[in-house]
Amino acid sequence: MESTISMTLWDLLGKFLLNGQVLAVIGAALAAILPGFGSAKAVGSVGEALDGLMSEDPDKFGKGFLLEALPATQGLYGVIVAFIVITKVGVLGGTPVANIEQGLYYFFACMPIAFVGYYSAIRQGRVASAGVATIAKRPDASGKCVIATAMVELYALFALIVSFVFVFFPPFGA
């Protein structure tokens, strides 16, 4: 009797939770959530540094604000990839994925922006916070601080491009 119940539960899991569309949506969720977490952490830490800078010299806000905004882009990139995936797999229109293999493909297509977006946002926040500290002492160096912070952005852009290529050009012609 117990094995029949277990088999029935497994069948239910396989039918409703382990299908291609659910796997693709889980990937899309990770693509939005992980970079969002990283961006929120980074923007918060840079905001704290910028608040400290403004407590000393409110006129330097403009020089530091871009440094706070830059780490937010990873969260945006993740949401864009997630939106495209859930549209392509039939959640918001489009054709539903046909099988688990296609769902896994979309799941893994989301992973570059999910993980690189998360990590690069946090690292970019650290660079940006250091830039705010630099602006406190040398306001004329703000452009160099923005460039240093933008260099970390490059890796988030690489991950976004990789995820885009996988999502827009699947090997199964979806």
C-alpha atoms as a PDB file:
ATOM      1  CA  MET A   1       0.000   0.000   0.000  1.00  0.00           C
ATOM      2  CA  GLU A   2       2.769   2.432   0.932  1.00  0.00           C
ATOM      3  CA  SER A   3       4.683   1.888  -2.318  1.00  0.00           C
ATOM      4  CA  THR A   4       1.514   2.619  -4.308  1.00  0.00           C
ATOM      5  CA  ILE A   5       1.153   5.978  -2.559  1.00  0.00           C
ATOM      6  CA  SER A   6       4.825   6.783  -3.131  1.00  0.00           C
ATOM      7  CA  MET A   7       4.526   5.900  -6.785  1.00  0.00           C
ATOM      8  CA  THR A   8       1.446   8.067  -7.106  1.00  0.00           C
ATOM      9  CA  LEU A   9       3.205  11.016  -5.487  1.00  0.00           C
ATOM     10  CA  TRP A  10       6.190  10.509  -7.769  1.00  0.00           C
ATOM     11  CA  ASP A  11       3.885  10.418 -10.785  1.00  0.00           C
ATOM     12  CA  LEU A  12       2.277  13.666  -9.637  1.00  0.00           C
ATOM     13  CA  LEU A  13       5.677  15.274  -9.179  1.00  0.00           C
ATOM     14  CA  GLY A  14       6.755  14.128 -12.608  1.00  0.00           C
ATOM     15  CA  LYS A  15       3.599  15.326 -14.277  1.00  0.00           C
ATOM     16  CA  PHE A  16       3.143  18.710 -12.655  1.00  0.00           C
ATOM     17  CA  LEU A  17       6.483  19.800 -11.233  1.00  0.00           C
ATOM     18  CA  LEU A  18       9.099  18.187 -13.435  1.00  0.00           C
ATOM     19  CA  ASN A  19       8.008  19.272 -16.853  1.00  0.00           C
ATOM     20  CA  GLY A  20       9.797  21.469 -19.343  1.00  0.00           C
ATOM     21  CA  GLN A  21       7.824  24.609 -18.666  1.00  0.00           C
ATOM     22  CA  VAL A  22       8.363  24.442 -14.901  1.00  0.00           C
ATOM     23  CA  LEU A  23      12.115  23.889 -15.331  1.00  0.00           C
ATOM     24  CA  ALA A  24      12.340  26.866 -17.688  1.00  0.00           C
ATOM     25  CA  VAL A  25      10.379  29.047 -15.261  1.00  0.00           C
ATOM     26  CA  ILE A  26      12.666  28.013 -12.391  1.00  0.00           C
ATOM     27  CA  GLY A  27      15.642  29.095 -14.525  1.00  0.00           C
ATOM     28  CA  ALA A  28      13.902  32.383 -15.317  1.00  0.00           C
ATOM     29  CA  ALA A  29      13.178  32.931 -11.639  1.00  0.00           C
ATOM     30  CA  LEU A  30      16.829  32.373 -10.756  1.00  0.00           C
ATOM     31  CA  ALA A  31      17.850  34.754 -13.551  1.00  0.00           C
ATOM     32  CA  ALA A  32      15.724  37.469 -11.935  1.00  0.00           C
ATOM     33  CA  ILE A  33      16.252  36.648  -8.252  1.00  0.00           C
ATOM     34  CA  LEU A  34      20.019  36.115  -7.979  1.00  0.00           C
ATOM     35  CA  PRO A  35      21.151  39.266  -9.814  1.00  0.00           C
ATOM     36  CA  GLY A  36      18.379  41.121  -7.992  1.00  0.00           C
ATOM     37  CA  PHE A  37      19.812  40.005  -4.649  1.00  0.00           C
ATOM     38  CA  GLY A  38      23.310  41.012  -5.733  1.00  0.00           C
ATOM     39  CA  SER A  39      22.156  44.390  -7.030  1.00  0.00           C
ATOM     40  CA  ALA A  40      20.144  45.134  -3.903  1.00  0.00           C
ATOM     41  CA  LYS A  41      23.114  44.290  -1.680  1.00  0.00           C
ATOM     42  CA  ALA A  42      25.486  46.365  -3.809  1.00  0.00           C
ATOM     43  CA  VAL A  43      23.221  49.390  -4.206  1.00  0.00           C
ATOM     44  CA  GLY A  44      22.586  49.329  -0.472  1.00  0.00           C
ATOM     45  CA  SER A  45      26.258  49.263   0.434  1.00  0.00           C
ATOM     46  CA  VAL A  46      27.135  52.013  -2.056  1.00  0.00           C
ATOM     47  CA  GLY A  47      24.185  54.021  -0.754  1.00  0.00           C
ATOM     48  CA  GLU A  48      25.575  53.768   2.762  1.00  0.00           C
ATOM     49  CA  ALA A  49      28.946  55.023   1.546  1.00  0.00           C
ATOM     50  CA  LEU A  50      27.279  57.824  -0.398  1.00  0.00           C
ATOM     51  CA  ASP A  51      25.252  58.841   2.659  1.00  0.00           C
ATOM     52  CA  GLY A  52      28.500  59.070   4.602  1.00  0.00           C
ATOM     53  CA  LEU A  53      29.995  61.219   1.860  1.00  0.00           C
ATOM     54  CA  MET A  54      26.977  63.542   1.862  1.00  0.00           C
ATOM     55  CA  SER A  55      27.152  63.925   5.624  1.00  0.00           C
ATOM     56  CA  GLU A  56      30.590  65.474   5.104  1.00  0.00           C
ATOM     57  CA  ASP A  57      29.929  67.340   1.848  1.00  0.00           C
ATOM     58  CA  PRO A  58      26.401  67.283   0.317  1.00  0.00           C
ATOM     59  CA  ASP A  59      27.690  68.909  -2.880  1.00  0.00           C
ATOM     60  CA  LYS A  60      29.488  65.673  -3.836  1.00  0.00           C
ATOM     61  CA  PHE A  61      26.230  63.717  -4.244  1.00  0.00           C
ATOM     62  CA  GLY A  62      26.184  64.187  -8.019  1.00  0.00           C
ATOM     63  CA  LYS A  63      29.689  62.801  -8.375  1.00  0.00           C
ATOM     64  CA  GLY A  64      28.813  59.676  -6.392  1.00  0.00           C
ATOM     65  CA  PHE A  65      25.284  58.943  -7.569  1.00  0.00           C
ATOM     66  CA  LEU A  66      26.310  57.183 -10.786  1.00  0.00           C
ATOM     67  CA  LEU A  67      28.444  54.847  -8.695  1.00  0.00           C
ATOM     68  CA  GLU A  68      25.338  53.859  -6.752  1.00  0.00           C
ATOM     69  CA  ALA A  69      23.265  53.322  -9.893  1.00  0.00           C
ATOM     70  CA  LEU A  70      25.734  51.115 -11.774  1.00  0.00           C
ATOM     71  CA  PRO A  71      25.342  47.946  -9.638  1.00  0.00           C
ATOM     72  CA  ALA A  72      21.571  48.042 -10.201  1.00  0.00           C
ATOM     73  CA  THR A  73      21.979  47.040 -13.841  1.00  0.00           C
ATOM     74  CA  GLN A  74      22.642  43.370 -13.101  1.00  0.00           C
ATOM     75  CA  GLY A  75      19.192  43.062 -11.554  1.00  0.00           C
ATOM     76  CA  LEU A  76      17.735  44.663 -14.663  1.00  0.00           C
ATOM     77  CA  TYR A  77      19.621  42.262 -16.945  1.00  0.00           C
ATOM     78  CA  GLY A  78      18.266  39.296 -15.000  1.00  0.00           C
ATOM     79  CA  VAL A  79      14.683  40.555 -15.235  1.00  0.00           C
ATOM     80  CA  ILE A  80      15.050  41.047 -18.997  1.00  0.00           C
ATOM     81  CA  VAL A  81      16.304  37.478 -19.513  1.00  0.00           C
ATOM     82  CA  ALA A  82      13.580  36.112 -17.233  1.00  0.00           C
ATOM     83  CA  PHE A  83      10.861  37.997 -19.084  1.00  0.00           C
ATOM     84  CA  ILE A  84      12.079  36.754 -22.469  1.00  0.00           C
ATOM     85  CA  VAL A  85      12.272  33.148 -21.246  1.00  0.00           C
ATOM     86  CA  ILE A  86       8.816  33.092 -19.679  1.00  0.00           C
ATOM     87  CA  THR A  87       7.454  34.572 -22.881  1.00  0.00           C
ATOM     88  CA  LYS A  88       9.244  32.008 -25.080  1.00  0.00           C
ATOM     89  CA  VAL A  89       8.124  29.009 -23.002  1.00  0.00           C
ATOM     90  CA  GLY A  90       4.442  29.840 -23.095  1.00  0.00           C
ATOM     91  CA  VAL A  91       3.809  31.489 -19.736  1.00  0.00           C
ATOM     92  CA  LEU A  92       3.158  34.931 -21.252  1.00  0.00           C
ATOM     93  CA  GLY A  93       2.283  33.786 -24.731  1.00  0.00           C
ATOM     94  CA  GLY A  94       4.453  31.924 -27.176  1.00  0.00           C
ATOM     95  CA  THR A  95       4.582  28.169 -27.589  1.00  0.00           C
ATOM     96  CA  PRO A  96       4.908  26.034 -24.455  1.00  0.00           C
ATOM     97  CA  VAL A  97       8.074  23.956 -24.317  1.00  0.00           C
ATOM     98  CA  ALA A  98       7.464  20.467 -25.565  1.00  0.00           C
ATOM     99  CA  ASN A  99       9.556  18.388 -23.180  1.00  0.00           C
ATOM    100  CA  ILE A 100      11.891  18.289 -20.208  1.00  0.00           C
ATOM    101  CA  GLU A 101      14.978  18.592 -22.419  1.00  0.00           C
ATOM    102  CA  GLN A 102      13.797  21.930 -23.791  1.00  0.00           C
ATOM    103  CA  GLY A 103      12.940  23.109 -20.291  1.00  0.00           C
ATOM    104  CA  LEU A 104      16.396  22.143 -19.078  1.00  0.00           C
ATOM    105  CA  TYR A 105      17.913  23.978 -22.023  1.00  0.00           C
ATOM    106  CA  TYR A 106      16.146  27.202 -21.038  1.00  0.00           C
ATOM    107  CA  PHE A 107      16.991  26.592 -17.386  1.00  0.00           C
ATOM    108  CA  PHE A 108      20.701  26.432 -18.227  1.00  0.00           C
ATOM    109  CA  ALA A 109      20.409  29.347 -20.667  1.00  0.00           C
ATOM    110  CA  CYS A 110      19.450  31.482 -17.658  1.00  0.00           C
ATOM    111  CA  MET A 111      22.410  30.426 -15.536  1.00  0.00           C
ATOM    112  CA  PRO A 112      25.080  32.763 -16.988  1.00  0.00           C
ATOM    113  CA  ILE A 113      23.169  35.906 -16.046  1.00  0.00           C
ATOM    114  CA  ALA A 114      21.895  34.335 -12.815  1.00  0.00           C
ATOM    115  CA  PHE A 115      25.310  33.570 -11.361  1.00  0.00           C
ATOM    116  CA  VAL A 116      27.537  36.138 -13.059  1.00  0.00           C
ATOM    117  CA  GLY A 117      24.888  38.804 -12.462  1.00  0.00           C
ATOM    118  CA  TYR A 118      24.788  37.991  -8.762  1.00  0.00           C
ATOM    119  CA  TYR A 119      28.540  37.876  -8.279  1.00  0.00           C
ATOM    120  CA  SER A 120      29.399  40.862 -10.471  1.00  0.00           C
ATOM    121  CA  ALA A 121      26.784  43.053  -8.779  1.00  0.00           C
ATOM    122  CA  ILE A 122      28.316  42.408  -5.379  1.00  0.00           C
ATOM    123  CA  ARG A 123      31.849  42.979  -6.651  1.00  0.00           C
ATOM    124  CA  GLN A 124      30.782  46.088  -8.523  1.00  0.00           C
ATOM    125  CA  GLY A 125      29.245  47.392  -5.309  1.00  0.00           C
ATOM    126  CA  ARG A 126      32.587  46.987  -3.553  1.00  0.00           C
ATOM    127  CA  VAL A 127      34.419  48.852  -6.303  1.00  0.00           C
ATOM    128  CA  ALA A 128      31.757  51.580  -6.315  1.00  0.00           C
ATOM    129  CA  SER A 129      31.926  51.952  -2.524  1.00  0.00           C
ATOM    130  CA  ALA A 130      35.687  52.398  -2.780  1.00  0.00           C
ATOM    131  CA  GLY A 131      35.033  54.974  -5.496  1.00  0.00           C
ATOM    132  CA  VAL A 132      32.760  56.929  -3.175  1.00  0.00           C
ATOM    133  CA  ALA A 133      35.538  56.928  -0.578  1.00  0.00           C
ATOM    134  CA  THR A 134      37.943  58.194  -3.233  1.00  0.00           C
ATOM    135  CA  ILE A 135      35.548  60.989  -4.222  1.00  0.00           C
ATOM    136  CA  ALA A 136      35.462  62.086  -0.580  1.00  0.00           C
ATOM    137  CA  LYS A 137      39.190  62.807  -0.730  1.00  0.00           C
ATOM    138  CA  ARG A 138      39.670  63.581  -4.424  1.00  0.00           C
ATOM    139  CA  PRO A 139      36.465  64.754  -6.157  1.00  0.00           C
ATOM    140  CA  ASP A 140      38.366  65.254  -9.416  1.00  0.00           C
ATOM    141  CA  ALA A 141      38.884  61.451  -9.636  1.00  0.00           C
ATOM    142  CA  SER A 142      35.159  60.695  -9.975  1.00  0.00           C
ATOM    143  CA  GLY A 143      35.424  59.858 -13.692  1.00  0.00           C
ATOM    144  CA  LYS A 144      38.169  57.334 -13.027  1.00  0.00           C
ATOM    145  CA  CYS A 145      36.070  55.788 -10.263  1.00  0.00           C
ATOM    146  CA  VAL A 146      33.141  55.385 -12.667  1.00  0.00           C
ATOM    147  CA  ILE A 147      35.422  53.737 -15.237  1.00  0.00           C
ATOM    148  CA  ALA A 148      36.784  51.304 -12.648  1.00  0.00           C
ATOM    149  CA  THR A 149      33.249  50.449 -11.569  1.00  0.00           C
ATOM    150  CA  ALA A 150      32.113  50.033 -15.168  1.00  0.00           C
ATOM    151  CA  MET A 151      34.864  47.488 -15.817  1.00  0.00           C
ATOM    152  CA  VAL A 152      33.076  45.036 -13.530  1.00  0.00           C
ATOM    153  CA  GLU A 153      29.917  45.678 -15.542  1.00  0.00           C
ATOM    154  CA  LEU A 154      31.642  44.202 -18.567  1.00  0.00           C
ATOM    155  CA  TYR A 155      31.363  40.684 -17.135  1.00  0.00           C
ATOM    156  CA  ALA A 156      27.664  41.096 -16.459  1.00  0.00           C
ATOM    157  CA  LEU A 157      27.271  42.191 -20.083  1.00  0.00           C
ATOM    158  CA  PHE A 158      29.176  39.105 -21.268  1.00  0.00           C
ATOM    159  CA  ALA A 159      26.828  36.892 -19.244  1.00  0.00           C
ATOM    160  CA  LEU A 160      23.798  38.752 -20.590  1.00  0.00           C
ATOM    161  CA  ILE A 161      24.989  38.205 -24.161  1.00  0.00           C
ATOM    162  CA  VAL A 162      25.594  34.489 -23.545  1.00  0.00           C
ATOM    163  CA  SER A 163      22.143  34.055 -22.016  1.00  0.00           C
ATOM    164  CA  PHE A 164      20.593  36.002 -24.919  1.00  0.00           C
ATOM    165  CA  VAL A 165      22.340  33.826 -27.510  1.00  0.00           C
ATOM    166  CA  PHE A 166      21.150  30.643 -25.801  1.00  0.00           C
ATOM    167  CA  VAL A 167      17.593  31.915 -25.363  1.00  0.00           C
ATOM    168  CA  PHE A 168      17.169  33.357 -28.855  1.00  0.00           C
ATOM    169  CA  PHE A 169      18.947  30.564 -30.768  1.00  0.00           C
ATOM    170  CA  PRO A 170      17.986  27.221 -29.210  1.00  0.00           C
ATOM    171  CA  PRO A 171      19.152  24.109 -31.066  1.00  0.00           C
ATOM    172  CA  PHE A 172      15.607  22.779 -31.308  1.00  0.00           C
ATOM    173  CA  GLY A 173      14.186  25.698 -33.334  1.00  0.00           C
ATOM    174  CA  ALA A 174      11.730  27.125 -30.822  1.00  0.00           C
END
